[in-house]
Amino acid sequence: MEDKDSNVTVPRIRALSDLMFKVLTAALALCVFVMLVLVFGNVVLRYVFNSGINISSEIARLAFVWLTFGGAVLAFRTREHLAINMGIERFSPKMQKIVHLIRQLLILWVLWLIITGGWAQTVISMRTVTPVAGMPIAVFSGAVLFSAVAMALMVVLDLFVAVRTPALPENTKVFRTSVGSE
């Protein structure tokens, strides 16, 4: 009974994950569009009509910050961050698994440091507001917190998969943090 439930649960989790990352991709595309419209529109308004929208630079900056950290999450999910696998490829599958687990635990530790720092910065910046829009600066530092939490969840899931995957030659792709070296 348990095996049947896990066969149904895994595709549902994967479908939910895919949906969440499609939503994130759409949100990042919206950030790019907002930045383009606000910056270009403000340039046209300043040069043609000798006026501008004051809030546009703050909103464009906000969109840029969220675009940067959201893009880091997408790159982390698709394993496109920088990794050097050429030395690890020479190890046995069992050693590759061990190195991968240690590497993921180190990444999780660094993400924990970012999460705690991001949380502290977000709490501190709740009382500080931007000069024009009057929105809390925490909206900017919240991007750091969001990206670190999202990546930490992915690392925990990756650790779960890596621990359960046998150290066999055909499974060594599971023990890579980058897809760059095939």
Protein backbone atom coordinates (compact mmCIF):
# COMPACT_ATOMS: atom_id res chain seq x y z
CA MET A 1 0.00 0.00 0.00
CA GLU A 2 2.80 2.40 0.90
CA ASP A 3 4.62 1.73 -2.39
CA LYS A 4 1.47 2.53 -4.36
CA ASP A 5 1.04 5.83 -2.46
CA SER A 6 4.64 6.88 -3.16
CA ASN A 7 4.18 6.09 -6.86
CA VAL A 8 1.26 8.54 -6.92
CA THR A 9 2.81 11.16 -4.63
CA VAL A 10 6.10 11.66 -6.49
CA PRO A 11 4.47 12.69 -9.82
CA ARG A 12 2.15 15.05 -7.92
CA ILE A 13 5.07 16.68 -6.15
CA ARG A 14 6.94 16.97 -9.45
CA ALA A 15 3.85 18.48 -11.15
CA LEU A 16 3.43 20.99 -8.31
CA SER A 17 7.12 21.85 -8.50
CA ASP A 18 6.92 22.34 -12.27
CA LEU A 19 3.86 24.57 -11.87
CA MET A 20 5.59 26.68 -9.21
CA PHE A 21 8.62 27.20 -11.42
CA LYS A 22 6.44 28.10 -14.40
CA VAL A 23 4.78 30.73 -12.23
CA LEU A 24 8.21 31.98 -11.13
CA THR A 25 9.37 32.12 -14.75
CA ALA A 26 6.27 34.12 -15.69
CA ALA A 27 6.86 36.47 -12.74
CA LEU A 28 10.45 37.03 -13.86
CA ALA A 29 9.28 37.73 -17.41
CA LEU A 30 6.85 40.26 -15.93
CA CYS A 31 9.75 41.85 -14.03
CA VAL A 32 11.69 42.27 -17.27
CA PHE A 33 8.62 43.74 -18.98
CA VAL A 34 7.98 46.17 -16.11
CA MET A 35 11.61 47.27 -16.13
CA LEU A 36 11.55 47.79 -19.88
CA VAL A 37 8.33 49.79 -19.87
CA LEU A 38 9.24 51.94 -16.86
CA VAL A 39 12.80 52.75 -17.85
CA PHE A 40 12.08 53.30 -21.54
CA GLY A 41 8.90 55.22 -20.78
CA ASN A 42 10.71 57.43 -18.30
CA VAL A 43 13.48 58.17 -20.81
CA VAL A 44 10.91 59.15 -23.44
CA LEU A 45 9.01 61.30 -20.95
CA ARG A 46 12.16 63.09 -19.82
CA TYR A 47 13.53 63.84 -23.29
CA VAL A 48 10.30 64.48 -25.15
CA PHE A 49 8.04 66.04 -22.52
CA ASN A 50 10.67 67.25 -20.03
CA SER A 51 8.95 65.35 -17.20
CA GLY A 52 9.03 61.84 -15.78
CA ILE A 53 7.51 59.39 -13.39
CA ASN A 54 9.36 59.62 -10.07
CA ILE A 55 8.36 56.20 -8.82
CA SER A 56 9.57 54.40 -11.95
CA SER A 57 13.21 54.10 -10.88
CA GLU A 58 12.26 52.54 -7.53
CA ILE A 59 9.87 50.07 -9.11
CA ALA A 60 12.43 49.19 -11.81
CA ARG A 61 15.06 48.66 -9.12
CA LEU A 62 12.67 46.42 -7.19
CA ALA A 63 11.93 44.40 -10.34
CA PHE A 64 15.67 44.08 -11.03
CA VAL A 65 16.41 42.78 -7.51
CA TRP A 66 13.62 40.19 -7.70
CA LEU A 67 14.69 39.26 -11.25
CA THR A 68 18.24 38.62 -10.07
CA PHE A 69 17.35 36.46 -7.08
CA GLY A 70 14.48 34.69 -8.85
CA GLY A 71 16.83 33.92 -11.73
CA ALA A 72 19.29 32.42 -9.25
CA VAL A 73 16.52 30.08 -8.05
CA LEU A 74 15.69 29.03 -11.61
CA ALA A 75 19.38 28.47 -12.42
CA PHE A 76 19.75 26.43 -9.22
CA ARG A 77 16.78 24.24 -10.14
CA THR A 78 18.05 23.57 -13.66
CA ARG A 79 21.56 22.99 -12.31
CA GLU A 80 23.10 25.77 -14.36
CA HIS A 81 25.21 27.29 -11.60
CA LEU A 82 28.97 26.98 -11.91
CA ALA A 83 30.36 23.61 -10.85
CA ILE A 84 33.54 21.80 -11.69
CA ASN A 85 32.88 18.10 -12.12
CA MET A 86 35.99 17.02 -14.02
CA GLY A 87 37.83 15.88 -10.89
CA ILE A 88 34.79 14.21 -9.39
CA GLU A 89 34.11 12.26 -12.61
CA ARG A 90 37.30 10.28 -11.98
CA PHE A 91 36.01 8.97 -8.63
CA SER A 92 34.12 5.76 -8.18
CA PRO A 93 30.31 6.09 -8.05
CA LYS A 94 30.36 5.53 -4.28
CA MET A 95 32.92 8.29 -3.77
CA GLN A 96 30.96 10.59 -6.12
CA LYS A 97 27.91 10.05 -3.95
CA ILE A 98 29.85 10.83 -0.77
CA VAL A 99 31.36 13.98 -2.26
CA HIS A 100 27.95 15.05 -3.54
CA LEU A 101 26.35 14.60 -0.11
CA ILE A 102 29.14 16.58 1.58
CA ARG A 103 28.90 19.30 -1.08
CA GLN A 104 25.11 19.55 -0.69
CA LEU A 105 25.44 19.75 3.10
CA LEU A 106 27.94 22.61 2.70
CA ILE A 107 25.56 24.37 0.31
CA LEU A 108 22.74 23.88 2.81
CA TRP A 109 24.88 25.38 5.57
CA VAL A 110 25.69 28.45 3.46
CA LEU A 111 22.02 28.82 2.54
CA TRP A 112 21.15 28.62 6.25
CA LEU A 113 23.54 31.53 6.87
CA ILE A 114 21.88 33.48 4.06
CA ILE A 115 18.40 32.65 5.41
CA THR A 116 19.22 33.84 8.92
CA GLY A 117 20.92 36.98 7.61
CA GLY A 118 18.13 37.61 5.12
CA TRP A 119 15.50 37.21 7.83
CA ALA A 120 17.35 39.61 10.15
CA GLN A 121 17.78 42.15 7.34
CA THR A 122 14.11 41.85 6.35
CA VAL A 123 12.96 42.45 9.93
CA ILE A 124 15.31 45.40 10.35
CA SER A 125 14.26 46.98 7.06
CA MET A 126 10.51 46.80 7.78
CA ARG A 127 10.73 50.22 9.46
CA THR A 128 12.70 51.87 6.66
CA VAL A 129 10.82 53.00 3.57
CA THR A 130 11.86 54.08 0.10
CA PRO A 131 11.89 57.84 -0.47
CA VAL A 132 9.33 58.09 -3.28
CA ALA A 133 7.04 55.05 -3.11
CA GLY A 134 7.08 54.76 0.67
CA MET A 135 7.27 50.96 0.52
CA PRO A 136 9.38 49.12 3.09
CA ILE A 137 12.94 48.29 2.12
CA ALA A 138 12.07 44.77 3.32
CA VAL A 139 10.49 44.19 -0.09
CA PHE A 140 14.02 44.27 -1.50
CA SER A 141 15.68 42.12 1.18
CA GLY A 142 12.75 39.70 0.98
CA ALA A 143 14.13 38.59 -2.38
CA VAL A 144 17.26 37.27 -0.67
CA LEU A 145 15.16 35.41 1.87
CA PHE A 146 12.88 33.95 -0.81
CA SER A 147 15.73 32.71 -2.99
CA ALA A 148 17.67 31.17 -0.10
CA VAL A 149 14.60 29.35 1.25
CA ALA A 150 13.68 28.07 -2.23
CA MET A 151 17.20 26.82 -2.88
CA ALA A 152 17.43 25.23 0.58
CA LEU A 153 14.24 23.28 -0.10
CA MET A 154 15.72 22.07 -3.38
CA VAL A 155 18.93 21.00 -1.61
CA VAL A 156 16.97 19.06 1.01
CA LEU A 157 15.02 17.28 -1.73
CA ASP A 158 18.26 16.62 -3.62
CA LEU A 159 19.81 15.15 -0.48
CA PHE A 160 16.78 12.91 -0.04
CA VAL A 161 17.08 11.66 -3.64
CA ALA A 162 20.86 11.24 -3.43
CA VAL A 163 20.69 9.23 -0.20
CA ARG A 164 18.07 6.90 -1.70
CA THR A 165 19.90 6.49 -5.04
CA PRO A 166 22.31 3.55 -5.22
CA ALA A 167 25.93 4.40 -6.01
CA LEU A 168 26.03 2.73 -9.42
CA PRO A 169 27.75 3.97 -12.62
CA GLU A 170 24.40 4.63 -14.33
CA ASN A 171 23.30 6.90 -11.45
CA THR A 172 26.29 9.25 -11.35
CA LYS A 173 24.32 12.09 -12.99
CA VAL A 174 22.26 12.28 -9.80
CA PHE A 175 25.44 13.14 -7.89
CA ARG A 176 26.27 16.25 -9.93
CA THR A 177 25.34 19.79 -9.05
CA SER A 178 25.78 20.97 -12.62
CA VAL A 179 24.74 19.50 -15.95
CA GLY A 180 27.63 21.15 -17.78
CA SER A 181 29.85 18.10 -17.97
CA GLU A 182 28.29 15.08 -19.61
